[in-house]
Amino acid sequence: MYQVVLVTFPNADSALVVAKKLLNEKLAACINILPEMQAVYCWKDELKVDSEVQMVIKTTKDKFEQLNERICQLHSYEIAEVIALDIQQGNAPYLNWIKESLSS
């Protein structure tokens, strides 16, 4: 029922702009933006090393499709990294807070 969704951004400023929109649109209950990290990957047959920040989104499974679509609309990358992980267990009051935060 609950998910953690991971998304990378080129910097904290761009992540914060998207985070505020996702929260205002009730697609996320809470978002953490973790500090700069190094991303090492291959893109279009070229090895890349870039700085990125990690966004950690707490939401529900039923919000994922809409959340993913909105992130892809707002994101500056050609292909946004959006990875959802199901939450198997958690503090019940916190999980209830997620659900209540996403209610319209």
C-alpha atoms as a PDB file:
ATOM      1  CA  MET A   1       0.000   0.000   0.000  1.00  0.00           C
ATOM      2  CA  TYR A   2       2.854   2.394   0.799  1.00  0.00           C
ATOM      3  CA  GLN A   3       5.932   3.182  -1.278  1.00  0.00           C
ATOM      4  CA  VAL A   4       9.247   4.962  -1.167  1.00  0.00           C
ATOM      5  CA  VAL A   5      10.001   6.488  -4.568  1.00  0.00           C
ATOM      6  CA  LEU A   6      13.575   7.435  -5.482  1.00  0.00           C
ATOM      7  CA  VAL A   7      14.307  10.164  -8.024  1.00  0.00           C
ATOM      8  CA  THR A   8      17.609  11.839  -8.880  1.00  0.00           C
ATOM      9  CA  PHE A   9      17.988  15.499  -9.832  1.00  0.00           C
ATOM     10  CA  PRO A  10      20.949  17.547 -11.062  1.00  0.00           C
ATOM     11  CA  ASN A  11      20.828  19.826  -7.992  1.00  0.00           C
ATOM     12  CA  ALA A  12      18.911  20.616  -4.822  1.00  0.00           C
ATOM     13  CA  ASP A  13      17.217  23.707  -6.275  1.00  0.00           C
ATOM     14  CA  SER A  14      15.550  21.782  -9.108  1.00  0.00           C
ATOM     15  CA  ALA A  15      14.576  18.985  -6.712  1.00  0.00           C
ATOM     16  CA  LEU A  16      13.000  21.477  -4.309  1.00  0.00           C
ATOM     17  CA  VAL A  17      10.866  23.047  -7.051  1.00  0.00           C
ATOM     18  CA  VAL A  18       9.490  19.616  -8.000  1.00  0.00           C
ATOM     19  CA  ALA A  19       9.090  18.543  -4.350  1.00  0.00           C
ATOM     20  CA  LYS A  20       6.892  21.540  -3.547  1.00  0.00           C
ATOM     21  CA  LYS A  21       4.646  20.826  -6.536  1.00  0.00           C
ATOM     22  CA  LEU A  22       4.294  17.147  -5.653  1.00  0.00           C
ATOM     23  CA  LEU A  23       3.376  18.009  -2.067  1.00  0.00           C
ATOM     24  CA  ASN A  24       0.910  20.717  -3.098  1.00  0.00           C
ATOM     25  CA  GLU A  25      -0.740  18.275  -5.522  1.00  0.00           C
ATOM     26  CA  LYS A  26      -0.980  15.630  -2.742  1.00  0.00           C
ATOM     27  CA  LEU A  27       1.082  13.111  -4.685  1.00  0.00           C
ATOM     28  CA  ALA A  28       3.570  12.815  -1.817  1.00  0.00           C
ATOM     29  CA  ALA A  29       3.248  12.982   1.962  1.00  0.00           C
ATOM     30  CA  CYS A  30       6.901  13.733   2.698  1.00  0.00           C
ATOM     31  CA  ILE A  31       9.992  14.284   0.584  1.00  0.00           C
ATOM     32  CA  ASN A  32      13.626  14.223   1.641  1.00  0.00           C
ATOM     33  CA  ILE A  33      16.321  15.704  -0.573  1.00  0.00           C
ATOM     34  CA  LEU A  34      19.649  14.115   0.199  1.00  0.00           C
ATOM     35  CA  PRO A  35      22.880  16.013  -0.416  1.00  0.00           C
ATOM     36  CA  GLU A  36      25.111  15.856  -3.422  1.00  0.00           C
ATOM     37  CA  MET A  37      26.434  12.498  -4.566  1.00  0.00           C
ATOM     38  CA  GLN A  38      28.345  11.259  -7.574  1.00  0.00           C
ATOM     39  CA  ALA A  39      26.501   9.423 -10.349  1.00  0.00           C
ATOM     40  CA  VAL A  40      28.612   7.227 -12.638  1.00  0.00           C
ATOM     41  CA  TYR A  41      26.739   5.801 -15.624  1.00  0.00           C
ATOM     42  CA  CYS A  42      26.738   5.234 -19.375  1.00  0.00           C
ATOM     43  CA  TRP A  43      24.517   7.465 -21.489  1.00  0.00           C
ATOM     44  CA  LYS A  44      24.381   7.247 -25.275  1.00  0.00           C
ATOM     45  CA  ASP A  45      27.554   5.138 -25.368  1.00  0.00           C
ATOM     46  CA  GLU A  46      29.494   7.624 -23.257  1.00  0.00           C
ATOM     47  CA  LEU A  47      30.727   7.218 -19.675  1.00  0.00           C
ATOM     48  CA  LYS A  48      29.432  10.059 -17.514  1.00  0.00           C
ATOM     49  CA  VAL A  49      30.281  11.278 -14.025  1.00  0.00           C
ATOM     50  CA  ASP A  50      27.902  13.901 -12.668  1.00  0.00           C
ATOM     51  CA  SER A  51      26.821  15.402  -9.380  1.00  0.00           C
ATOM     52  CA  GLU A  52      23.217  14.717  -8.404  1.00  0.00           C
ATOM     53  CA  VAL A  53      20.936  14.842  -5.387  1.00  0.00           C
ATOM     54  CA  GLN A  54      18.581  12.056  -4.332  1.00  0.00           C
ATOM     55  CA  MET A  55      14.910  12.703  -3.673  1.00  0.00           C
ATOM     56  CA  VAL A  56      13.177  10.205  -1.375  1.00  0.00           C
ATOM     57  CA  ILE A  57       9.394  10.396  -1.650  1.00  0.00           C
ATOM     58  CA  LYS A  58       6.923   8.745   0.722  1.00  0.00           C
ATOM     59  CA  THR A  59       3.573   7.997  -0.929  1.00  0.00           C
ATOM     60  CA  THR A  60       1.016   5.260  -1.565  1.00  0.00           C
ATOM     61  CA  LYS A  61       0.966   2.696  -4.369  1.00  0.00           C
ATOM     62  CA  ASP A  62      -2.258   4.071  -5.775  1.00  0.00           C
ATOM     63  CA  LYS A  63      -0.570   7.460  -6.314  1.00  0.00           C
ATOM     64  CA  PHE A  64       2.431   6.050  -8.211  1.00  0.00           C
ATOM     65  CA  GLU A  65       1.217   6.364 -11.812  1.00  0.00           C
ATOM     66  CA  GLN A  66       0.119   9.966 -11.340  1.00  0.00           C
ATOM     67  CA  LEU A  67       3.290  10.759  -9.378  1.00  0.00           C
ATOM     68  CA  ASN A  68       5.528   9.219 -12.044  1.00  0.00           C
ATOM     69  CA  GLU A  69       3.743  11.096 -14.823  1.00  0.00           C
ATOM     70  CA  ARG A  70       4.051  14.398 -12.968  1.00  0.00           C
ATOM     71  CA  ILE A  71       7.747  13.890 -12.196  1.00  0.00           C
ATOM     72  CA  CYS A  72       8.440  13.143 -15.862  1.00  0.00           C
ATOM     73  CA  GLN A  73       6.558  16.322 -16.885  1.00  0.00           C
ATOM     74  CA  LEU A  74       8.517  18.496 -14.457  1.00  0.00           C
ATOM     75  CA  HIS A  75      11.959  16.873 -14.689  1.00  0.00           C
ATOM     76  CA  SER A  76      14.792  18.347 -16.734  1.00  0.00           C
ATOM     77  CA  TYR A  77      16.288  14.971 -17.696  1.00  0.00           C
ATOM     78  CA  GLU A  78      15.366  13.328 -20.998  1.00  0.00           C
ATOM     79  CA  ILE A  79      14.592  10.166 -19.013  1.00  0.00           C
ATOM     80  CA  ALA A  80      13.879  10.681 -15.322  1.00  0.00           C
ATOM     81  CA  GLU A  81      14.979   8.003 -12.868  1.00  0.00           C
ATOM     82  CA  VAL A  82      11.826   7.080 -10.961  1.00  0.00           C
ATOM     83  CA  ILE A  83      12.071   3.880  -8.916  1.00  0.00           C
ATOM     84  CA  ALA A  84       9.362   2.733  -6.492  1.00  0.00           C
ATOM     85  CA  LEU A  85      10.061   0.410  -3.588  1.00  0.00           C
ATOM     86  CA  ASP A  86       7.162  -1.125  -1.676  1.00  0.00           C
ATOM     87  CA  ILE A  87       7.208  -0.574   2.070  1.00  0.00           C
ATOM     88  CA  GLN A  88       6.719  -4.013   3.645  1.00  0.00           C
ATOM     89  CA  GLN A  89       6.604  -2.829   7.244  1.00  0.00           C
ATOM     90  CA  GLY A  90       6.720   0.428   9.135  1.00  0.00           C
ATOM     91  CA  ASN A  91       5.604   2.366  12.168  1.00  0.00           C
ATOM     92  CA  ALA A  92       1.783   2.174  11.915  1.00  0.00           C
ATOM     93  CA  PRO A  93       1.151   5.775  13.076  1.00  0.00           C
ATOM     94  CA  TYR A  94       3.637   7.058  10.458  1.00  0.00           C
ATOM     95  CA  LEU A  95       2.089   4.975   7.694  1.00  0.00           C
ATOM     96  CA  ASN A  96      -1.363   6.212   8.711  1.00  0.00           C
ATOM     97  CA  TRP A  97      -0.032   9.769   8.552  1.00  0.00           C
ATOM     98  CA  ILE A  98       1.100   9.154   4.946  1.00  0.00           C
ATOM     99  CA  LYS A  99      -2.398   7.968   4.019  1.00  0.00           C
ATOM    100  CA  GLU A 100      -4.079  10.884   5.793  1.00  0.00           C
ATOM    101  CA  SER A 101      -1.690  13.408   4.197  1.00  0.00           C
ATOM    102  CA  LEU A 102      -2.667  12.227   0.720  1.00  0.00           C
ATOM    103  CA  SER A 103      -6.404  12.424   1.322  1.00  0.00           C
ATOM    104  CA  SER A 104      -8.142  15.204  -0.552  1.00  0.00           C
END
